[in-house]
């Protein structure tokens, strides 16, 4: 999960802004990656629950 969150925090435009917001707030790196991992789990759970594919427009509903 850590590796997926690390990659996502650098390459996903929506979760990247969330990670940058936490970084400017002075949060440690592990806290930022953990928060992104938690967002990924929330997004995956919501997409499975609604039985839809992971479209970027749907991910925006569950971001920061």
Protein backbone atom coordinates (compact mmCIF):
# COMPACT_ATOMS: atom_id res chain seq x y z
CA UNK A 1 0.00 0.00 0.00
CA UNK A 2 2.90 2.32 0.82
CA UNK A 3 4.40 1.94 -2.65
CA UNK A 4 1.07 2.55 -4.39
CA UNK A 5 0.45 5.65 -2.28
CA UNK A 6 3.95 6.92 -2.95
CA UNK A 7 3.53 6.63 -6.71
CA UNK A 8 0.02 8.08 -6.60
CA UNK A 9 1.11 11.09 -4.58
CA UNK A 10 3.56 11.96 -7.34
CA UNK A 11 1.58 11.12 -10.48
CA UNK A 12 -2.17 11.41 -9.81
CA UNK A 13 -3.13 15.07 -10.30
CA UNK A 14 -5.94 14.99 -7.74
CA UNK A 15 -4.13 13.21 -4.95
CA UNK A 16 -0.94 15.10 -5.77
CA UNK A 17 -2.63 18.36 -4.75
CA UNK A 18 -3.74 16.72 -1.52
CA UNK A 19 -0.17 15.61 -0.81
CA UNK A 20 1.18 19.06 -1.63
CA UNK A 21 -1.36 20.67 0.70
CA UNK A 22 -0.20 18.43 3.54
CA UNK A 23 3.43 19.14 2.70
CA UNK A 24 2.92 22.89 2.86
CA UNK A 25 1.22 22.39 6.22
CA UNK A 26 4.51 20.92 7.46
CA UNK A 27 3.43 17.29 7.84
CA UNK A 28 6.12 14.58 7.84
CA UNK A 29 6.60 12.43 4.74
CA UNK A 30 5.16 9.26 6.32
CA UNK A 31 2.03 11.13 7.39
CA UNK A 32 1.53 12.39 3.83
CA UNK A 33 1.96 8.93 2.28
CA UNK A 34 -0.33 7.38 4.90
CA UNK A 35 -3.02 9.98 4.17
CA UNK A 36 -2.77 9.29 0.43
CA UNK A 37 -2.95 5.54 1.08
CA UNK A 38 -6.07 6.05 3.15
CA UNK A 39 -7.61 8.12 0.34
CA UNK A 40 -6.78 5.32 -2.12
CA UNK A 41 -8.54 2.76 0.06
CA UNK A 42 -11.56 5.07 0.37
CA UNK A 43 -11.69 5.63 -3.39
CA UNK A 44 -11.31 1.91 -4.15
CA UNK A 45 -14.01 1.02 -1.64
CA UNK A 46 -16.42 3.61 -3.05
CA UNK A 47 -15.80 2.48 -6.63
CA UNK A 48 -16.34 -1.18 -5.69
CA UNK A 49 -19.47 -0.29 -3.78
CA UNK A 50 -20.93 1.60 -6.73
CA UNK A 51 -19.63 -1.05 -9.20
CA UNK A 52 -18.14 1.54 -11.53
CA UNK A 53 -14.79 1.76 -13.22
CA UNK A 54 -12.17 4.20 -11.95
CA UNK A 55 -12.76 7.28 -14.00
CA UNK A 56 -10.98 10.49 -13.14
CA UNK A 57 -14.24 12.40 -12.77
CA UNK A 58 -15.47 9.92 -10.18
CA UNK A 59 -12.23 10.06 -8.20
CA UNK A 60 -12.62 13.83 -7.82
CA UNK A 61 -15.70 13.25 -5.65
CA UNK A 62 -13.62 11.43 -3.05
CA UNK A 63 -10.51 13.62 -3.01
CA UNK A 64 -9.47 16.29 -0.52
